[in-house]
């Protein structure tokens, strides 16, 4: 009789555990979806806020006149893919939790140019009036590195994809991304060249941001 009661209790216990698990699975799923959605919304909000700050600073220094500049400190979210300038537009491209690319666009009253390498965290941005337009640049820390593609690489005369390194508080193309045989061994960079003379890659390059082609 005692054994039968124990078996009944065990069965009831298993039923309760099973019921709890059934209730928890959708709850966990909803939580994960909500967390991802909240994270995406927060990143979009941060990107939009940064773009607005840049636009505000650009308009301000432009109306103050040539050589006027303003520094603004911003905190870039980690999922920013690129920041590009197209005439008066500032375009932030961010990747959401599903891998989709979303564009955040803000428009200034003046033509804006510049290069913002792919970075994250707190950065100091210099917005400067050049008279007929405004330049936007990140003040980087010496030794800081950044991997980029497309227009950012072209702006620094790098191949794409490329590695940038900060020297004297300014971004420069790293030696292992500059299409130059820096150490004279007839080998160049981390990736195969896409233009003649098609030199082989340099095995001394450990990454695109490596700034020394020598061993």
N, C-alpha and C. Protein backbone atom coordinates (compact mmCIF):
# COMPACT_ATOMS: atom_id res chain seq x y z
N UNK A 1 0.83 -1.21 0.00
CA UNK A 1 0.00 0.00 0.00
C UNK A 1 0.86 1.26 0.00
N UNK A 2 1.94 1.23 0.84
CA UNK A 2 2.88 2.36 0.93
C UNK A 2 3.58 2.57 -0.39
N UNK A 3 3.96 1.47 -1.04
CA UNK A 3 4.65 1.55 -2.34
C UNK A 3 3.75 2.17 -3.39
N UNK A 4 2.45 1.82 -3.32
CA UNK A 4 1.48 2.37 -4.28
C UNK A 4 1.32 3.87 -4.11
N UNK A 5 1.30 4.32 -2.84
CA UNK A 5 1.18 5.75 -2.58
C UNK A 5 2.40 6.51 -3.06
N UNK A 6 3.60 5.89 -2.85
CA UNK A 6 4.84 6.54 -3.30
C UNK A 6 4.85 6.67 -4.82
N UNK A 7 4.36 5.62 -5.48
CA UNK A 7 4.31 5.67 -6.94
C UNK A 7 3.36 6.75 -7.43
N UNK A 8 2.25 6.92 -6.73
CA UNK A 8 1.27 7.94 -7.09
C UNK A 8 1.84 9.35 -6.89
N UNK A 9 2.56 9.52 -5.76
CA UNK A 9 3.19 10.81 -5.47
C UNK A 9 4.23 11.15 -6.53
N UNK A 10 5.04 10.15 -6.91
CA UNK A 10 6.07 10.35 -7.93
C UNK A 10 5.45 10.76 -9.25
N UNK A 11 4.34 10.08 -9.60
CA UNK A 11 3.66 10.40 -10.85
C UNK A 11 3.11 11.83 -10.83
N UNK A 12 2.50 12.19 -9.70
CA UNK A 12 1.97 13.55 -9.58
C UNK A 12 3.09 14.59 -9.66
N UNK A 13 4.24 14.24 -9.06
CA UNK A 13 5.39 15.14 -9.08
C UNK A 13 5.88 15.35 -10.52
N UNK A 14 5.94 14.24 -11.28
CA UNK A 14 6.38 14.32 -12.67
C UNK A 14 5.40 15.14 -13.51
N UNK A 15 4.11 14.97 -13.22
CA UNK A 15 3.09 15.73 -13.94
C UNK A 15 3.25 17.23 -13.68
N UNK A 16 3.51 17.57 -12.39
CA UNK A 16 3.70 18.99 -12.03
C UNK A 16 4.93 19.56 -12.73
N UNK A 17 6.05 18.78 -12.70
CA UNK A 17 7.28 19.23 -13.37
C UNK A 17 7.04 19.43 -14.86
N UNK A 18 6.33 18.48 -15.48
CA UNK A 18 6.02 18.59 -16.90
C UNK A 18 5.18 19.81 -17.20
N UNK A 19 4.22 20.11 -16.34
CA UNK A 19 3.35 21.27 -16.52
C UNK A 19 4.16 22.57 -16.40
N UNK A 20 5.07 22.59 -15.42
CA UNK A 20 5.93 23.77 -15.23
C UNK A 20 6.79 24.01 -16.45
N UNK A 21 7.36 22.91 -16.99
CA UNK A 21 8.22 23.03 -18.18
C UNK A 21 7.42 23.56 -19.36
N UNK A 22 6.19 23.02 -19.53
CA UNK A 22 5.32 23.47 -20.62
C UNK A 22 5.02 24.95 -20.49
N UNK A 23 4.87 25.44 -19.28
CA UNK A 23 4.59 26.85 -19.06
C UNK A 23 5.84 27.71 -19.26
N UNK A 24 7.02 27.14 -18.92
CA UNK A 24 8.25 27.92 -18.99
C UNK A 24 8.75 28.12 -20.41
N UNK A 25 8.59 27.11 -21.27
CA UNK A 25 9.13 27.18 -22.63
C UNK A 25 8.62 28.39 -23.39
N UNK A 26 7.30 28.60 -23.49
CA UNK A 26 6.85 29.81 -24.20
C UNK A 26 7.24 31.10 -23.49
N UNK A 27 7.31 31.04 -22.15
CA UNK A 27 7.70 32.23 -21.40
C UNK A 27 9.14 32.64 -21.72
N UNK A 28 10.03 31.62 -21.78
CA UNK A 28 11.43 31.88 -22.12
C UNK A 28 11.55 32.41 -23.54
N UNK A 29 10.77 31.80 -24.46
CA UNK A 29 10.79 32.22 -25.86
C UNK A 29 10.36 33.68 -25.99
N UNK A 30 9.27 34.03 -25.29
CA UNK A 30 8.78 35.41 -25.32
C UNK A 30 9.80 36.36 -24.73
N UNK A 31 10.48 35.94 -23.66
CA UNK A 31 11.49 36.78 -23.02
C UNK A 31 12.66 37.05 -23.96
N UNK A 32 13.11 35.98 -24.64
CA UNK A 32 14.24 36.13 -25.57
C UNK A 32 13.86 37.07 -26.71
N UNK A 33 12.66 36.88 -27.26
CA UNK A 33 12.22 37.75 -28.35
C UNK A 33 12.09 39.19 -27.89
N UNK A 34 11.56 39.37 -26.69
CA UNK A 34 11.38 40.72 -26.15
C UNK A 34 12.74 41.37 -25.90
N UNK A 35 13.69 40.58 -25.36
CA UNK A 35 15.03 41.11 -25.07
C UNK A 35 15.72 41.54 -26.35
N UNK A 36 15.62 40.69 -27.42
CA UNK A 36 16.24 41.01 -28.70
C UNK A 36 15.62 42.26 -29.30
N UNK A 37 14.28 42.31 -29.22
CA UNK A 37 13.57 43.47 -29.77
C UNK A 37 13.94 44.74 -29.02
N UNK A 38 14.06 44.63 -27.69
CA UNK A 38 14.42 45.80 -26.87
C UNK A 38 15.83 46.26 -27.20
N UNK A 39 16.74 45.28 -27.40
CA UNK A 39 18.13 45.61 -27.73
C UNK A 39 18.21 46.32 -29.08
N UNK A 40 17.43 45.82 -30.07
CA UNK A 40 17.42 46.44 -31.39
C UNK A 40 16.87 47.86 -31.32
N UNK A 41 15.81 48.03 -30.55
CA UNK A 41 15.20 49.36 -30.40
C UNK A 41 16.17 50.33 -29.74
N UNK A 42 16.90 49.84 -28.72
CA UNK A 42 17.87 50.68 -28.02
C UNK A 42 19.01 51.10 -28.95
N UNK A 43 19.51 50.15 -29.76
CA UNK A 43 20.60 50.46 -30.69
C UNK A 43 20.15 51.48 -31.73
N UNK A 44 18.94 51.30 -32.26
CA UNK A 44 18.40 52.25 -33.25
C UNK A 44 18.26 53.64 -32.63
N UNK A 45 17.79 53.67 -31.39
CA UNK A 45 17.62 54.94 -30.70
C UNK A 45 18.96 55.64 -30.48
N UNK A 46 19.98 54.86 -30.10
CA UNK A 46 21.32 55.42 -29.88
C UNK A 46 21.90 55.97 -31.18
N UNK A 47 21.74 55.19 -32.28
CA UNK A 47 22.26 55.63 -33.57
C UNK A 47 21.58 56.91 -34.02
N UNK A 48 20.27 56.97 -33.85
CA UNK A 48 19.52 58.17 -34.23
C UNK A 48 19.95 59.37 -33.40
N UNK A 49 20.20 59.14 -32.11
CA UNK A 49 20.63 60.22 -31.22
C UNK A 49 22.00 60.75 -31.64
N UNK A 50 22.93 59.84 -31.97
CA UNK A 50 24.27 60.25 -32.40
C UNK A 50 24.18 61.05 -33.69
N UNK A 51 23.40 60.55 -34.65
CA UNK A 51 23.24 61.24 -35.93
C UNK A 51 22.67 62.64 -35.72
N UNK A 52 21.72 62.74 -34.82
CA UNK A 52 21.12 64.05 -34.51
C UNK A 52 22.14 65.01 -33.90
N UNK A 53 22.99 64.47 -33.02
CA UNK A 53 24.02 65.31 -32.39
C UNK A 53 25.01 65.82 -33.43
N UNK A 54 25.38 64.95 -34.37
CA UNK A 54 26.31 65.35 -35.43
C UNK A 54 25.68 66.42 -36.31
N UNK A 55 24.40 66.22 -36.68
CA UNK A 55 23.69 67.20 -37.50
C UNK A 55 23.62 68.55 -36.79
N UNK A 56 23.28 68.53 -35.51
CA UNK A 56 23.18 69.77 -34.74
C UNK A 56 24.52 70.50 -34.69
N UNK A 57 25.60 69.73 -34.45
CA UNK A 57 26.94 70.34 -34.38
C UNK A 57 27.37 70.85 -35.75
N UNK A 58 27.04 70.10 -36.82
CA UNK A 58 27.41 70.51 -38.18
C UNK A 58 26.73 71.83 -38.55
N UNK A 59 25.45 71.93 -38.27
CA UNK A 59 24.72 73.17 -38.57
C UNK A 59 25.29 74.34 -37.77
N UNK A 60 25.64 74.08 -36.52
CA UNK A 60 26.14 75.13 -35.63
C UNK A 60 27.47 75.69 -36.11
N UNK A 61 28.45 74.81 -36.41
CA UNK A 61 29.78 75.30 -36.81
C UNK A 61 29.74 75.93 -38.20
N UNK A 62 28.84 75.43 -39.05
CA UNK A 62 28.73 75.99 -40.40
C UNK A 62 28.28 77.45 -40.35
N UNK A 63 27.28 77.72 -39.53
CA UNK A 63 26.76 79.09 -39.44
C UNK A 63 27.72 80.01 -38.68
N UNK A 64 28.62 79.44 -37.87
CA UNK A 64 29.62 80.25 -37.17
C UNK A 64 30.75 80.66 -38.11
N UNK A 65 30.94 79.89 -39.20
CA UNK A 65 31.95 80.25 -40.18
C UNK A 65 33.12 79.29 -40.25
N UNK A 66 33.93 79.47 -41.28
CA UNK A 66 35.06 78.59 -41.56
C UNK A 66 36.02 78.49 -40.38
N UNK A 67 36.54 77.26 -40.17
CA UNK A 67 37.52 76.91 -39.14
C UNK A 67 36.91 76.80 -37.73
N UNK A 68 35.64 77.11 -37.59
CA UNK A 68 35.00 76.85 -36.30
C UNK A 68 34.78 75.34 -36.16
N UNK A 69 34.98 74.84 -34.96
CA UNK A 69 34.78 73.41 -34.76
C UNK A 69 34.20 73.13 -33.38
N UNK A 70 33.65 71.94 -33.27
CA UNK A 70 33.04 71.52 -32.01
C UNK A 70 33.32 70.04 -31.79
N UNK A 71 33.69 69.70 -30.56
CA UNK A 71 33.91 68.30 -30.21
C UNK A 71 32.69 67.77 -29.46
N UNK A 72 32.24 66.60 -29.84
CA UNK A 72 31.13 65.96 -29.14
C UNK A 72 31.53 64.53 -28.77
N UNK A 73 31.16 64.13 -27.57
CA UNK A 73 31.46 62.77 -27.11
C UNK A 73 30.20 61.92 -27.25
N UNK A 74 30.35 60.79 -27.92
CA UNK A 74 29.20 59.90 -28.14
C UNK A 74 29.61 58.47 -27.78
N UNK A 75 28.60 57.62 -27.61
CA UNK A 75 28.84 56.21 -27.31
C UNK A 75 28.20 55.36 -28.39
N UNK A 76 29.04 54.78 -29.26
CA UNK A 76 28.54 53.98 -30.37
C UNK A 76 28.11 52.59 -29.90
N UNK A 77 26.91 52.13 -30.29
CA UNK A 77 26.53 50.75 -29.98
C UNK A 77 27.40 49.78 -30.77
N UNK A 78 27.49 48.54 -30.30
CA UNK A 78 28.41 47.57 -30.89
C UNK A 78 27.99 47.05 -32.26
N UNK A 79 26.70 47.19 -32.62
CA UNK A 79 26.23 46.60 -33.87
C UNK A 79 26.15 47.59 -35.03
N UNK A 80 26.88 48.71 -34.95
CA UNK A 80 26.94 49.63 -36.08
C UNK A 80 27.86 49.05 -37.15
N UNK A 81 27.33 48.85 -38.35
CA UNK A 81 28.10 48.30 -39.45
C UNK A 81 28.93 49.37 -40.15
N UNK A 82 28.34 50.54 -40.35
CA UNK A 82 29.06 51.63 -41.02
C UNK A 82 28.34 52.96 -40.81
N UNK A 83 29.11 54.03 -41.00
CA UNK A 83 28.56 55.39 -40.97
C UNK A 83 29.07 56.08 -42.23
N UNK A 84 28.15 56.56 -43.06
CA UNK A 84 28.54 57.17 -44.32
C UNK A 84 27.88 58.54 -44.46
N UNK A 85 28.53 59.39 -45.27
CA UNK A 85 28.03 60.73 -45.53
C UNK A 85 27.73 60.86 -47.02
N UNK A 86 26.54 61.31 -47.34
CA UNK A 86 26.14 61.50 -48.73
C UNK A 86 25.52 62.89 -48.86
N UNK A 87 26.34 63.84 -49.33
CA UNK A 87 25.91 65.25 -49.41
C UNK A 87 25.49 65.75 -48.03
N UNK A 88 24.20 65.96 -47.82
CA UNK A 88 23.75 66.47 -46.53
C UNK A 88 23.23 65.36 -45.60
N UNK A 89 23.29 64.13 -46.09
CA UNK A 89 22.76 63.01 -45.31
C UNK A 89 23.84 62.30 -44.50
N UNK A 90 23.47 61.91 -43.29
CA UNK A 90 24.33 61.06 -42.45
C UNK A 90 23.60 59.73 -42.31
N UNK A 91 24.24 58.67 -42.78
CA UNK A 91 23.59 57.35 -42.84
C UNK A 91 24.29 56.37 -41.89
N UNK A 92 23.56 55.93 -40.88
CA UNK A 92 24.04 54.89 -39.98
C UNK A 92 23.44 53.56 -40.42
N UNK A 93 24.26 52.55 -40.60
CA UNK A 93 23.76 51.21 -40.91
C UNK A 93 24.04 50.32 -39.70
N UNK A 94 22.97 49.76 -39.14
CA UNK A 94 23.11 48.91 -37.97
C UNK A 94 22.53 47.53 -38.24
N UNK A 95 23.13 46.52 -37.65
CA UNK A 95 22.67 45.13 -37.83
C UNK A 95 21.83 44.72 -36.62
N UNK A 96 20.60 44.26 -36.88
CA UNK A 96 19.73 43.86 -35.77
C UNK A 96 20.01 42.42 -35.34
N UNK A 97 19.27 41.94 -34.35
CA UNK A 97 19.51 40.61 -33.79
C UNK A 97 19.24 39.48 -34.79
N UNK A 98 18.51 39.78 -35.88
CA UNK A 98 18.22 38.77 -36.91
C UNK A 98 19.20 38.84 -38.07
N UNK A 99 20.16 39.76 -37.98
CA UNK A 99 21.16 39.90 -39.03
C UNK A 99 20.76 40.85 -40.15
N UNK A 100 19.60 41.48 -40.00
CA UNK A 100 19.15 42.43 -41.02
C UNK A 100 19.81 43.80 -40.82
N UNK A 101 20.06 44.50 -41.92
CA UNK A 101 20.68 45.83 -41.86
C UNK A 101 19.59 46.89 -41.90
N UNK A 102 19.62 47.77 -40.93
CA UNK A 102 18.66 48.88 -40.85
C UNK A 102 19.40 50.19 -41.03
N UNK A 103 18.82 51.11 -41.79
CA UNK A 103 19.44 52.41 -42.02
C UNK A 103 18.77 53.49 -41.18
N UNK A 104 19.60 54.28 -40.53
CA UNK A 104 19.15 55.46 -39.80
C UNK A 104 19.71 56.67 -40.53
N UNK A 105 18.83 57.53 -41.04
CA UNK A 105 19.26 58.66 -41.86
C UNK A 105 18.81 59.98 -41.23
N UNK A 106 19.76 60.91 -41.10
CA UNK A 106 19.47 62.26 -40.64
C UNK A 106 20.04 63.24 -41.66
N UNK A 107 19.38 64.38 -41.82
CA UNK A 107 19.77 65.34 -42.85
C UNK A 107 20.19 66.66 -42.21
N UNK A 108 21.38 67.14 -42.60
CA UNK A 108 21.89 68.42 -42.10
C UNK A 108 21.51 69.54 -43.06
N UNK A 109 21.77 70.78 -42.65
CA UNK A 109 21.47 71.93 -43.50
C UNK A 109 22.64 72.25 -44.43
N UNK A 110 23.75 71.53 -44.26
CA UNK A 110 24.97 71.80 -45.01
C UNK A 110 25.56 70.47 -45.46
N UNK A 111 26.37 70.53 -46.51
CA UNK A 111 27.03 69.31 -46.98
C UNK A 111 28.01 68.82 -45.92
N UNK A 112 27.95 67.52 -45.64
CA UNK A 112 28.78 66.92 -44.61
C UNK A 112 29.68 65.85 -45.23
N UNK A 113 30.95 65.86 -44.86
CA UNK A 113 31.87 64.84 -45.36
C UNK A 113 32.71 64.33 -44.20
N UNK A 114 33.34 63.21 -44.42
CA UNK A 114 34.20 62.66 -43.37
C UNK A 114 34.23 61.16 -43.41
N UNK A 115 34.95 60.59 -42.50
CA UNK A 115 35.07 59.14 -42.40
C UNK A 115 35.01 58.73 -40.94
N UNK A 116 34.09 57.84 -40.64
CA UNK A 116 33.98 57.30 -39.30
C UNK A 116 34.19 55.79 -39.38
N UNK A 117 35.41 55.32 -39.13
CA UNK A 117 35.67 53.89 -39.18
C UNK A 117 34.76 53.13 -38.22
N UNK A 118 34.58 51.84 -38.50
CA UNK A 118 33.72 51.01 -37.66
C UNK A 118 34.31 50.92 -36.25
N UNK A 119 33.64 51.53 -35.31
CA UNK A 119 34.12 51.55 -33.93
C UNK A 119 32.94 51.35 -33.00
N UNK A 120 33.23 51.12 -31.74
CA UNK A 120 32.18 51.02 -30.74
C UNK A 120 32.68 51.61 -29.43
N UNK A 121 31.74 51.93 -28.56
CA UNK A 121 32.10 52.52 -27.28
C UNK A 121 32.19 54.04 -27.36
N UNK A 122 32.70 54.64 -26.30
CA UNK A 122 32.78 56.10 -26.22
C UNK A 122 33.88 56.65 -27.14
N UNK A 123 33.51 57.64 -27.95
CA UNK A 123 34.45 58.26 -28.88
C UNK A 123 34.25 59.77 -28.89
N UNK A 124 35.32 60.48 -29.20
CA UNK A 124 35.25 61.93 -29.33
C UNK A 124 35.25 62.28 -30.81
N UNK A 125 34.23 63.01 -31.25
CA UNK A 125 34.08 63.38 -32.66
C UNK A 125 34.34 64.87 -32.83
N UNK A 126 35.14 65.21 -33.83
CA UNK A 126 35.39 66.62 -34.17
C UNK A 126 34.57 67.00 -35.39
N UNK A 127 33.75 68.04 -35.23
CA UNK A 127 32.94 68.56 -36.33
C UNK A 127 33.48 69.95 -36.66
N UNK A 128 33.98 70.14 -37.91
CA UNK A 128 34.68 71.37 -38.25
C UNK A 128 34.14 71.98 -39.54
N UNK A 129 33.98 73.29 -39.53
CA UNK A 129 33.51 74.00 -40.72
C UNK A 129 34.68 74.23 -41.68
N UNK A 130 34.48 73.85 -42.94
CA UNK A 130 35.50 74.09 -43.97
C UNK A 130 35.04 75.19 -44.93
N UNK A 131 34.07 75.95 -44.50
CA UNK A 131 33.56 77.04 -45.32
C UNK A 131 32.30 76.64 -46.06
N UNK A 132 32.47 75.85 -47.15
CA UNK A 132 31.31 75.43 -47.95
C UNK A 132 30.75 74.09 -47.49
N UNK A 133 31.41 73.44 -46.56
CA UNK A 133 30.95 72.16 -46.05
C UNK A 133 31.51 71.94 -44.65
N UNK A 134 31.12 70.82 -44.05
CA UNK A 134 31.57 70.49 -42.69
C UNK A 134 32.19 69.10 -42.70
N UNK A 135 33.33 68.97 -42.03
CA UNK A 135 33.98 67.65 -41.93
C UNK A 135 33.70 67.03 -40.56
N UNK A 136 33.57 65.72 -40.55
CA UNK A 136 33.31 64.98 -39.32
C UNK A 136 34.35 63.87 -39.19
N UNK A 137 35.10 63.89 -38.09
CA UNK A 137 36.14 62.89 -37.90
C UNK A 137 36.18 62.44 -36.44
N UNK A 138 36.63 61.19 -36.25
CA UNK A 138 36.79 60.65 -34.90
C UNK A 138 38.22 60.91 -34.44
N UNK A 139 38.35 61.42 -33.23
CA UNK A 139 39.68 61.54 -32.62
C UNK A 139 39.99 60.19 -31.98
N UNK A 140 40.90 59.47 -32.60
CA UNK A 140 41.21 58.12 -32.12
C UNK A 140 42.39 58.14 -31.14
N UNK A 141 42.60 57.02 -30.49
CA UNK A 141 43.71 56.87 -29.55
C UNK A 141 44.84 56.10 -30.24
N UNK A 142 46.07 56.58 -30.08
CA UNK A 142 47.21 55.93 -30.72
C UNK A 142 47.23 54.44 -30.41
N UNK A 143 47.39 53.65 -31.48
CA UNK A 143 47.43 52.20 -31.32
C UNK A 143 46.08 51.54 -31.51
N UNK A 144 45.00 52.32 -31.52
CA UNK A 144 43.66 51.78 -31.72
C UNK A 144 43.55 51.24 -33.14
N UNK A 145 42.83 50.14 -33.33
CA UNK A 145 42.69 49.53 -34.65
C UNK A 145 41.21 49.39 -35.01
N UNK A 146 40.95 49.27 -36.31
CA UNK A 146 39.58 49.15 -36.78
C UNK A 146 39.56 48.45 -38.13
N UNK A 147 38.69 47.45 -38.29
CA UNK A 147 38.53 46.77 -39.58
C UNK A 147 37.29 47.32 -40.28
N UNK A 148 37.41 47.58 -41.60
CA UNK A 148 36.34 48.22 -42.35
C UNK A 148 36.24 47.66 -43.76
N UNK A 149 35.21 48.12 -44.47
CA UNK A 149 35.03 47.73 -45.87
C UNK A 149 34.55 48.95 -46.66
N UNK A 150 34.57 48.82 -47.99
CA UNK A 150 33.96 49.81 -48.87
C UNK A 150 34.54 51.20 -48.82
N UNK A 151 33.63 52.18 -48.70
CA UNK A 151 34.01 53.59 -48.81
C UNK A 151 35.01 54.02 -47.75
N UNK A 152 34.92 53.44 -46.56
CA UNK A 152 35.87 53.80 -45.49
C UNK A 152 37.28 53.44 -45.92
N UNK A 153 37.46 52.26 -46.50
CA UNK A 153 38.79 51.84 -46.97
C UNK A 153 39.30 52.76 -48.07
N UNK A 154 38.43 53.09 -49.04
CA UNK A 154 38.83 53.97 -50.15
C UNK A 154 39.28 55.33 -49.64
N UNK A 155 38.62 55.82 -48.58
CA UNK A 155 38.95 57.14 -48.04
C UNK A 155 40.38 57.20 -47.52
N UNK A 156 40.91 56.05 -47.10
CA UNK A 156 42.28 56.00 -46.57
C UNK A 156 43.24 55.32 -47.54
N UNK A 157 42.83 55.21 -48.81
CA UNK A 157 43.66 54.58 -49.85
C UNK A 157 44.04 53.15 -49.48
N UNK A 158 43.11 52.45 -48.90
CA UNK A 158 43.31 51.05 -48.54
C UNK A 158 42.54 50.16 -49.52
N UNK A 159 42.91 48.89 -49.57
CA UNK A 159 42.09 47.91 -50.26
C UNK A 159 40.89 47.61 -49.39
N UNK A 160 39.90 46.92 -49.93
CA UNK A 160 38.72 46.55 -49.14
C UNK A 160 38.53 45.03 -49.18
N UNK A 161 38.35 44.39 -48.04
CA UNK A 161 38.30 44.94 -46.68
C UNK A 161 39.68 45.40 -46.23
N UNK A 162 39.68 46.26 -45.21
CA UNK A 162 40.96 46.84 -44.79
C UNK A 162 41.07 46.95 -43.28
N UNK A 163 42.29 47.22 -42.86
CA UNK A 163 42.56 47.47 -41.45
C UNK A 163 43.13 48.87 -41.30
N UNK A 164 42.63 49.61 -40.32
CA UNK A 164 43.15 50.94 -40.03
C UNK A 164 43.80 50.93 -38.66
N UNK A 165 44.80 51.78 -38.49
CA UNK A 165 45.47 51.92 -37.21
C UNK A 165 45.61 53.40 -36.89
N UNK A 166 45.48 53.75 -35.62
CA UNK A 166 45.55 55.15 -35.22
C UNK A 166 46.99 55.54 -34.88
N UNK A 167 47.48 56.60 -35.55
CA UNK A 167 48.81 57.14 -35.29
C UNK A 167 48.68 58.66 -35.16
N UNK A 168 49.25 59.19 -34.10
CA UNK A 168 49.18 60.63 -33.85
C UNK A 168 47.72 61.13 -33.87
N UNK A 169 46.84 60.31 -33.27
CA UNK A 169 45.41 60.63 -33.12
C UNK A 169 44.68 60.75 -34.46
N UNK A 170 45.21 60.07 -35.49
CA UNK A 170 44.55 60.07 -36.81
C UNK A 170 44.59 58.67 -37.40
N UNK A 171 43.52 58.28 -38.09
CA UNK A 171 43.47 56.95 -38.71
C UNK A 171 44.35 56.89 -39.94
N UNK A 172 45.06 55.76 -40.11
CA UNK A 172 45.89 55.51 -41.27
C UNK A 172 45.70 54.07 -41.71
N UNK A 173 45.95 53.84 -42.98
CA UNK A 173 45.87 52.47 -43.50
C UNK A 173 47.03 51.67 -42.94
N UNK A 174 46.74 50.51 -42.37
CA UNK A 174 47.79 49.64 -41.83
C UNK A 174 48.60 49.04 -42.98
N UNK A 175 49.87 48.74 -42.74
CA UNK A 175 50.76 48.24 -43.78
C UNK A 175 50.24 46.96 -44.44
N UNK A 176 49.52 46.15 -43.69
CA UNK A 176 49.01 44.89 -44.24
C UNK A 176 47.69 45.06 -44.97
N UNK A 177 47.34 46.34 -45.28
CA UNK A 177 46.13 46.62 -46.05
C UNK A 177 46.35 47.68 -47.12
N UNK A 178 47.61 48.11 -47.33
CA UNK A 178 47.85 49.29 -48.16
C UNK A 178 48.29 49.01 -49.60
N UNK A 179 48.29 47.73 -50.03
CA UNK A 179 48.69 47.36 -51.40
C UNK A 179 50.15 47.72 -51.71
N UNK A 180 50.97 47.85 -50.67
CA UNK A 180 52.39 48.19 -50.87
C UNK A 180 53.26 47.09 -50.27
N UNK A 181 54.33 46.75 -50.99
CA UNK A 181 55.30 45.79 -50.47
C UNK A 181 56.26 46.54 -49.55
N UNK A 182 55.84 46.72 -48.31
CA UNK A 182 56.58 47.57 -47.39
C UNK A 182 57.95 47.03 -46.99
N UNK A 183 58.12 45.71 -46.98
CA UNK A 183 59.41 45.15 -46.56
C UNK A 183 60.26 44.63 -47.72
N UNK A 184 59.81 44.87 -48.96
CA UNK A 184 60.60 44.54 -50.13
C UNK A 184 60.85 43.07 -50.37
N UNK A 185 59.90 42.20 -49.98
CA UNK A 185 60.10 40.77 -50.20
C UNK A 185 59.23 40.22 -51.33
N UNK A 186 58.69 41.14 -52.16
CA UNK A 186 57.83 40.77 -53.28
C UNK A 186 56.55 40.04 -52.85
N UNK A 187 56.13 40.33 -51.65
CA UNK A 187 54.86 39.82 -51.13
C UNK A 187 54.15 40.99 -50.47
N UNK A 188 52.81 40.95 -50.47
CA UNK A 188 52.11 42.13 -50.00
C UNK A 188 50.79 41.81 -49.30
N UNK A 189 50.61 42.41 -48.14
CA UNK A 189 49.34 42.41 -47.41
C UNK A 189 48.82 41.01 -47.01
N UNK A 190 47.65 41.04 -46.38
CA UNK A 190 47.05 39.80 -45.89
C UNK A 190 46.22 39.10 -46.96
N UNK A 191 45.59 39.89 -47.85
CA UNK A 191 44.69 39.34 -48.87
C UNK A 191 45.33 39.40 -50.25
N UNK A 192 44.91 38.52 -51.16
CA UNK A 192 45.43 38.55 -52.54
C UNK A 192 45.12 39.88 -53.21
N UNK A 193 46.03 40.37 -54.04
CA UNK A 193 45.83 41.63 -54.74
C UNK A 193 44.81 41.45 -55.85
N UNK A 194 44.02 42.48 -56.12
CA UNK A 194 43.02 42.40 -57.18
C UNK A 194 43.45 43.19 -58.42
N UNK A 195 44.62 43.84 -58.35
CA UNK A 195 45.16 44.56 -59.50
C UNK A 195 46.60 44.11 -59.73
N UNK A 196 47.09 44.20 -61.00
CA UNK A 196 48.49 43.84 -61.28
C UNK A 196 49.43 44.61 -60.37
N UNK A 197 50.57 44.06 -59.97
CA UNK A 197 51.22 42.85 -60.52
C UNK A 197 50.85 41.54 -59.81
N UNK A 198 49.81 41.51 -59.00
CA UNK A 198 49.31 40.28 -58.36
C UNK A 198 50.39 39.57 -57.53
N UNK A 199 51.05 40.31 -56.68
CA UNK A 199 52.04 39.72 -55.80
C UNK A 199 51.36 38.78 -54.80
N UNK A 200 52.05 37.72 -54.38
CA UNK A 200 51.47 36.80 -53.39
C UNK A 200 51.30 37.49 -52.04
N UNK A 201 50.42 36.96 -51.21
CA UNK A 201 50.20 37.56 -49.89
C UNK A 201 51.44 37.39 -49.03
N UNK A 202 51.59 38.29 -48.07
CA UNK A 202 52.75 38.28 -47.19
C UNK A 202 52.42 37.47 -45.93
N UNK A 203 53.08 36.33 -45.72
CA UNK A 203 52.79 35.50 -44.55
C UNK A 203 53.12 36.17 -43.23
N UNK A 204 53.87 37.29 -43.29
CA UNK A 204 54.22 38.00 -42.06
C UNK A 204 53.06 38.86 -41.56
N UNK A 205 52.02 39.02 -42.38
CA UNK A 205 50.84 39.78 -41.96
C UNK A 205 49.92 38.88 -41.13
N UNK A 206 49.76 39.20 -39.87
CA UNK A 206 48.92 38.39 -39.00
C UNK A 206 47.45 38.79 -39.07
N UNK A 207 47.18 40.01 -39.53
CA UNK A 207 45.81 40.51 -39.66
C UNK A 207 45.81 41.71 -40.57
N UNK A 208 44.63 42.19 -40.95
CA UNK A 208 44.54 43.38 -41.80
C UNK A 208 45.00 44.63 -41.05
N UNK A 209 44.94 44.60 -39.73
CA UNK A 209 45.35 45.76 -38.95
C UNK A 209 46.81 45.68 -38.52
N UNK A 210 47.52 44.65 -38.97
CA UNK A 210 48.95 44.51 -38.67
C UNK A 210 49.70 45.63 -39.39
N UNK A 211 50.50 46.40 -38.65
CA UNK A 211 51.19 47.54 -39.25
C UNK A 211 52.68 47.25 -39.47
N UNK A 212 53.03 45.98 -39.67
CA UNK A 212 54.41 45.59 -39.92
C UNK A 212 54.44 44.33 -40.75
N UNK A 213 54.92 44.41 -42.00
CA UNK A 213 54.97 43.25 -42.87
C UNK A 213 56.20 42.38 -42.61
N UNK A 214 57.04 42.83 -41.68
CA UNK A 214 58.24 42.05 -41.38
C UNK A 214 57.94 41.02 -40.29
N UNK A 215 58.77 40.02 -40.19
CA UNK A 215 58.59 38.96 -39.18
C UNK A 215 58.80 39.54 -37.80
